[in-house]
């Protein structure tokens, strides 16, 4: 019955600070109330006085958080996933420093390392690191060709040099999956041997793997990250 009353009163008086809920655990206070009776003004004041000593520290923490988050919020836009990732990255970075710095439990340092791994994966998702990596293995040139009989041009992209073999050797498993048709985002003919298209397939798959790894780490660890 006491536990039930605590739950009901904490829900009824959600406007009070969380720390003030502790006062309702006191058996003497709880015995004064039945489920139909609300706490008196004196009881609320007593709870508030019990919590008021924490207000200066909480206020200082709030001001510090405003200062710490100001650059991120100032640059935030409601455009795409980049900005969602940015807020998540900043939050995880801050929490990693807090948990790793305080080191209050045996796995704190390891959890902080996993958090920072997560922030690096977020950065790769923001930058499309793997989607763009294949471009480091070839050089192209944009050529404007005048259309005969018209006062306009058509654009051609000509490959000047390429090192896709090195790229394929870097990701042999993905290369094999592309050749087998297991990866075929661009709906190409399986026997098609356009190295650039194959490289783009690998790049897209690697970016997807990066994103899935990030979400997997968050799914497995997010609720464990508390101090």
Protein backbone atom coordinates (compact mmCIF):
# COMPACT_ATOMS: atom_id res chain seq x y z
CA UNK A 1 0.00 0.00 0.00
CA UNK A 2 2.84 2.38 0.85
CA UNK A 3 4.52 1.75 -2.51
CA UNK A 4 1.21 2.31 -4.30
CA UNK A 5 0.73 5.62 -2.52
CA UNK A 6 4.24 6.74 -3.43
CA UNK A 7 3.59 6.04 -7.13
CA UNK A 8 0.26 7.84 -7.07
CA UNK A 9 1.58 10.89 -5.28
CA UNK A 10 4.67 11.18 -7.47
CA UNK A 11 2.38 11.16 -10.50
CA UNK A 12 -0.04 13.69 -8.95
CA UNK A 13 2.64 16.13 -7.95
CA UNK A 14 4.88 15.89 -11.00
CA UNK A 15 5.34 19.67 -10.78
CA UNK A 16 7.54 19.18 -7.75
CA UNK A 17 11.23 18.49 -8.24
CA UNK A 18 12.17 14.81 -8.51
CA UNK A 19 14.24 14.94 -5.33
CA UNK A 20 11.21 16.02 -3.33
CA UNK A 21 9.57 12.67 -4.03
CA UNK A 22 11.90 11.12 -1.49
CA UNK A 23 10.05 12.83 1.34
CA UNK A 24 6.90 10.85 0.54
CA UNK A 25 8.75 7.64 1.30
CA UNK A 26 8.75 8.63 4.95
CA UNK A 27 6.28 6.28 6.56
CA UNK A 28 5.01 8.86 9.01
CA UNK A 29 4.03 11.20 6.17
CA UNK A 30 2.44 8.44 4.15
CA UNK A 31 0.40 7.24 7.10
CA UNK A 32 -1.17 10.70 7.36
CA UNK A 33 -2.67 10.43 3.87
CA UNK A 34 -5.14 8.07 2.37
CA UNK A 35 -5.64 7.78 -1.39
CA UNK A 36 -8.42 10.39 -1.36
CA UNK A 37 -6.51 13.04 0.58
CA UNK A 38 -4.06 15.49 -0.93
CA UNK A 39 -0.96 16.63 0.98
CA UNK A 40 -1.39 19.93 2.79
CA UNK A 41 0.48 23.11 1.90
CA UNK A 42 2.70 22.48 4.92
CA UNK A 43 3.63 19.03 3.58
CA UNK A 44 4.51 20.46 0.17
CA UNK A 45 6.59 23.20 1.79
CA UNK A 46 8.42 20.63 3.86
CA UNK A 47 9.29 18.69 0.73
CA UNK A 48 10.40 21.82 -1.07
CA UNK A 49 12.67 22.87 1.81
CA UNK A 50 14.20 19.43 1.77
CA UNK A 51 15.18 19.95 -1.88
CA UNK A 52 15.98 23.67 -1.98
CA UNK A 53 19.62 23.22 -0.96
CA UNK A 54 20.27 21.61 -4.35
CA UNK A 55 18.89 24.56 -6.36
CA UNK A 56 22.13 26.62 -6.61
CA UNK A 57 24.07 23.66 -7.99
CA UNK A 58 21.25 22.73 -10.38
CA UNK A 59 21.06 26.34 -11.60
CA UNK A 60 24.81 26.44 -12.19
CA UNK A 61 24.66 23.14 -14.09
CA UNK A 62 21.83 24.48 -16.26
CA UNK A 63 23.80 27.62 -17.14
CA UNK A 64 26.87 25.53 -17.92
CA UNK A 65 24.80 23.29 -20.20
CA UNK A 66 23.41 26.30 -22.06
CA UNK A 67 26.94 27.54 -22.68
CA UNK A 68 28.19 24.09 -23.68
CA UNK A 69 25.35 23.42 -26.12
CA UNK A 70 25.07 26.92 -27.57
CA UNK A 71 27.41 26.36 -30.59
CA UNK A 72 25.61 23.12 -31.52
CA UNK A 73 22.12 24.57 -31.19
CA UNK A 74 23.14 27.77 -33.01
CA UNK A 75 24.23 25.75 -36.05
CA UNK A 76 21.32 23.31 -35.91
CA UNK A 77 18.90 23.19 -38.83
CA UNK A 78 15.78 21.11 -39.51
CA UNK A 79 17.02 19.94 -42.90
CA UNK A 80 18.29 16.37 -42.78
CA UNK A 81 19.90 13.59 -40.78
CA UNK A 82 23.25 15.39 -40.56
CA UNK A 83 21.93 17.68 -37.83
CA UNK A 84 20.21 14.84 -35.95
CA UNK A 85 23.52 12.98 -35.98
CA UNK A 86 25.34 16.13 -34.81
CA UNK A 87 23.21 16.48 -31.67
CA UNK A 88 23.60 12.78 -30.92
CA UNK A 89 27.36 12.99 -31.46
CA UNK A 90 27.78 15.93 -29.11
CA UNK A 91 25.64 14.29 -26.43
CA UNK A 92 27.54 10.99 -26.57
CA UNK A 93 30.88 12.83 -26.55
CA UNK A 94 29.91 14.75 -23.42
CA UNK A 95 28.66 11.62 -21.70
CA UNK A 96 31.82 9.72 -22.64
CA UNK A 97 33.97 12.39 -20.98
CA UNK A 98 31.75 12.34 -17.90
CA UNK A 99 31.59 8.57 -17.43
CA UNK A 100 35.21 7.93 -18.41
CA UNK A 101 36.46 10.84 -16.33
CA UNK A 102 34.61 9.85 -13.14
CA UNK A 103 35.38 6.13 -13.59
CA UNK A 104 32.90 5.09 -10.91
CA UNK A 105 32.44 1.48 -12.03
CA UNK A 106 34.63 -1.26 -13.45
CA UNK A 107 33.54 -0.89 -17.10
CA UNK A 108 33.45 2.90 -17.15
CA UNK A 109 36.61 3.33 -19.23
CA UNK A 110 35.51 0.66 -21.70
CA UNK A 111 32.07 2.23 -22.05
CA UNK A 112 33.71 5.59 -22.71
CA UNK A 113 35.80 4.00 -25.49
CA UNK A 114 32.71 2.47 -27.09
CA UNK A 115 30.98 5.86 -26.93
CA UNK A 116 33.86 7.50 -28.77
CA UNK A 117 33.79 4.71 -31.36
CA UNK A 118 30.12 5.57 -31.82
CA UNK A 119 30.94 9.24 -32.38
CA UNK A 120 33.48 8.29 -35.07
CA UNK A 121 30.88 6.16 -36.83
CA UNK A 122 28.44 9.07 -36.63
CA UNK A 123 31.05 11.30 -38.26
CA UNK A 124 31.48 8.76 -41.08
CA UNK A 125 27.70 8.76 -41.59
CA UNK A 126 27.64 12.56 -41.71
CA UNK A 127 30.55 12.78 -44.14
CA UNK A 128 29.48 9.83 -46.35
CA UNK A 129 33.05 8.62 -45.88
CA UNK A 130 32.60 5.20 -47.46
CA UNK A 131 30.22 6.39 -50.14
CA UNK A 132 32.89 8.79 -51.37
CA UNK A 133 35.97 6.62 -50.78
CA UNK A 134 35.99 5.05 -54.25
CA UNK A 135 36.55 8.51 -55.73
CA UNK A 136 40.07 8.50 -54.28
CA UNK A 137 40.92 5.68 -56.67
CA UNK A 138 40.23 7.45 -59.95
CA UNK A 139 40.55 10.85 -61.56
CA UNK A 140 37.92 12.20 -63.89
CA UNK A 141 37.56 15.28 -66.00
CA UNK A 142 34.38 17.08 -67.01
CA UNK A 143 34.37 17.82 -70.73
CA UNK A 144 31.91 20.21 -72.41
CA UNK A 145 31.24 19.15 -76.00
CA UNK A 146 29.42 21.54 -78.30
CA UNK A 147 26.34 20.03 -79.88
CA UNK A 148 26.49 20.37 -83.64
CA UNK A 149 23.95 22.79 -85.02
CA UNK A 150 22.94 24.05 -81.59
CA UNK A 151 24.13 26.81 -79.34
CA UNK A 152 24.50 24.44 -76.40
CA UNK A 153 26.84 21.86 -74.93
CA UNK A 154 26.62 18.36 -73.56
CA UNK A 155 28.62 17.24 -70.56
CA UNK A 156 30.79 14.13 -70.61
CA UNK A 157 32.82 12.78 -67.71
CA UNK A 158 36.03 11.21 -68.91
CA UNK A 159 38.21 9.02 -66.70
CA UNK A 160 41.84 10.16 -66.83
CA UNK A 161 43.25 7.46 -64.55
CA UNK A 162 42.00 4.80 -62.17
CA UNK A 163 43.30 2.41 -59.51
CA UNK A 164 40.14 0.42 -58.85
CA UNK A 165 42.12 -2.80 -58.55
CA UNK A 166 43.64 -1.48 -55.33
CA UNK A 167 40.18 -0.58 -54.09
CA UNK A 168 38.84 -4.05 -54.89
CA UNK A 169 41.79 -5.65 -53.09
CA UNK A 170 40.97 -3.56 -50.04
CA UNK A 171 37.44 -4.99 -49.87
CA UNK A 172 37.71 -8.50 -51.40
CA UNK A 173 34.58 -9.86 -49.71
CA UNK A 174 32.38 -7.02 -50.94
CA UNK A 175 33.95 -7.22 -54.39
CA UNK A 176 33.06 -10.90 -54.61
CA UNK A 177 29.49 -10.21 -53.47
CA UNK A 178 29.08 -7.56 -56.16
CA UNK A 179 30.36 -9.91 -58.87
CA UNK A 180 27.97 -12.64 -57.66
CA UNK A 181 25.04 -10.24 -57.81
CA UNK A 182 24.41 -10.28 -54.04
CA UNK A 183 24.95 -6.51 -54.10
CA UNK A 184 23.25 -4.82 -57.01
CA UNK A 185 21.87 -1.44 -56.00
CA UNK A 186 22.25 0.04 -59.50
CA UNK A 187 20.33 -2.80 -61.20
CA UNK A 188 23.22 -3.52 -63.55
CA UNK A 189 23.62 -6.64 -65.60
CA UNK A 190 25.47 -9.17 -63.45
CA UNK A 191 28.05 -9.81 -66.16
CA UNK A 192 28.72 -6.12 -66.62
CA UNK A 193 32.38 -5.40 -65.86
CA UNK A 194 32.32 -1.62 -65.51
CA UNK A 195 34.87 -1.16 -62.72
CA UNK A 196 33.52 2.24 -61.78
CA UNK A 197 29.99 0.91 -61.26
CA UNK A 198 31.37 -2.03 -59.27
CA UNK A 199 33.35 0.39 -57.12
CA UNK A 200 30.22 2.48 -56.54
CA UNK A 201 28.34 -0.67 -55.48
CA UNK A 202 31.05 -1.50 -52.93
CA UNK A 203 31.11 2.08 -51.67
CA UNK A 204 27.36 2.17 -51.13
CA UNK A 205 27.40 -1.19 -49.36
CA UNK A 206 30.23 -0.08 -47.06
CA UNK A 207 28.34 3.06 -46.14
CA UNK A 208 25.28 0.96 -45.31
CA UNK A 209 27.41 -1.37 -43.17
CA UNK A 210 28.79 1.63 -41.29
CA UNK A 211 25.26 2.87 -40.58
CA UNK A 212 24.07 -0.57 -39.47
CA UNK A 213 27.07 -0.99 -37.15
CA UNK A 214 26.33 2.38 -35.55
CA UNK A 215 22.71 1.47 -34.92
CA UNK A 216 23.69 -1.97 -33.62
CA UNK A 217 26.13 -0.50 -31.08
CA UNK A 218 23.48 1.96 -29.91
CA UNK A 219 20.89 -0.78 -29.64
CA UNK A 220 23.19 -3.01 -27.58
CA UNK A 221 24.76 -0.36 -25.35
CA UNK A 222 22.69 2.81 -25.09
CA UNK A 223 20.71 1.81 -22.00
CA UNK A 224 23.92 0.65 -20.26
CA UNK A 225 25.48 4.11 -20.44
CA UNK A 226 24.53 5.59 -17.10
CA UNK A 227 26.46 6.56 -14.03
